[in-house]
Amino acid sequence: MRAVAAILTIGTVWSVLSAQPAKAQSQVAVTYVESSRKWKYGMNSRPYDKISKDIQGLLIQKLAAKGWTSVDTLTGSCCKVVIEVVEVSEHMAAFGKPGIDMVVTFGVRDAGGRQVYSKTCRGESRALGPHTWGGLVDIAAKNLVDEALKEDDLIKALAGPRDETASR
């Protein structure tokens, strides 16, 4: 009976240990800069905080697909992604597709709060057909996150601080 209990205990410990991330660098915290601004067009409006939360959720989802784990507080040496929505504007088109243009800054900070990377990205949506303005904002946010994650420097910054002695 004791042997069975010991085997079960070892199996439980092994499953807990193997479920943890392999590296501390695979953890990332994603936050956003709060804003009282609001995108408005006619009767349509959306607060920048709502747009920031949507971008935060999309970024966490896309990073999880790449093997990153989202955490609320950092336990290792790196990193925190800070999202700041700079501008959301409508693109009116006399001939062509109307849509939304969005400009967002992604900053990466280390555990000490120092900025190690910053990039301003642009997302847009252009569509004909039955899209609402809110739907176009959502499409622009998805496009923006996809564009940001194409940046190799962003992924390198998330991977952690560089060892300066190794390059010498």
Foldseek 3Di string as FASTA:
>chain_A
DVVVVVVVVVVVVVVVVVPDDPDLLLEEEEEEDDDQDWDDDPPDIDHVVVLSVLLSVLLQVVSVVVRHHYDHARDDFDWYKYKYWDDKDWADDPPFFTAIKTKMKIWIATNVRDTPDIDIFMFMATDDDDADRVNRSSRRSNRRSVVVVVDPVVVVVSSDDDDPVVVD
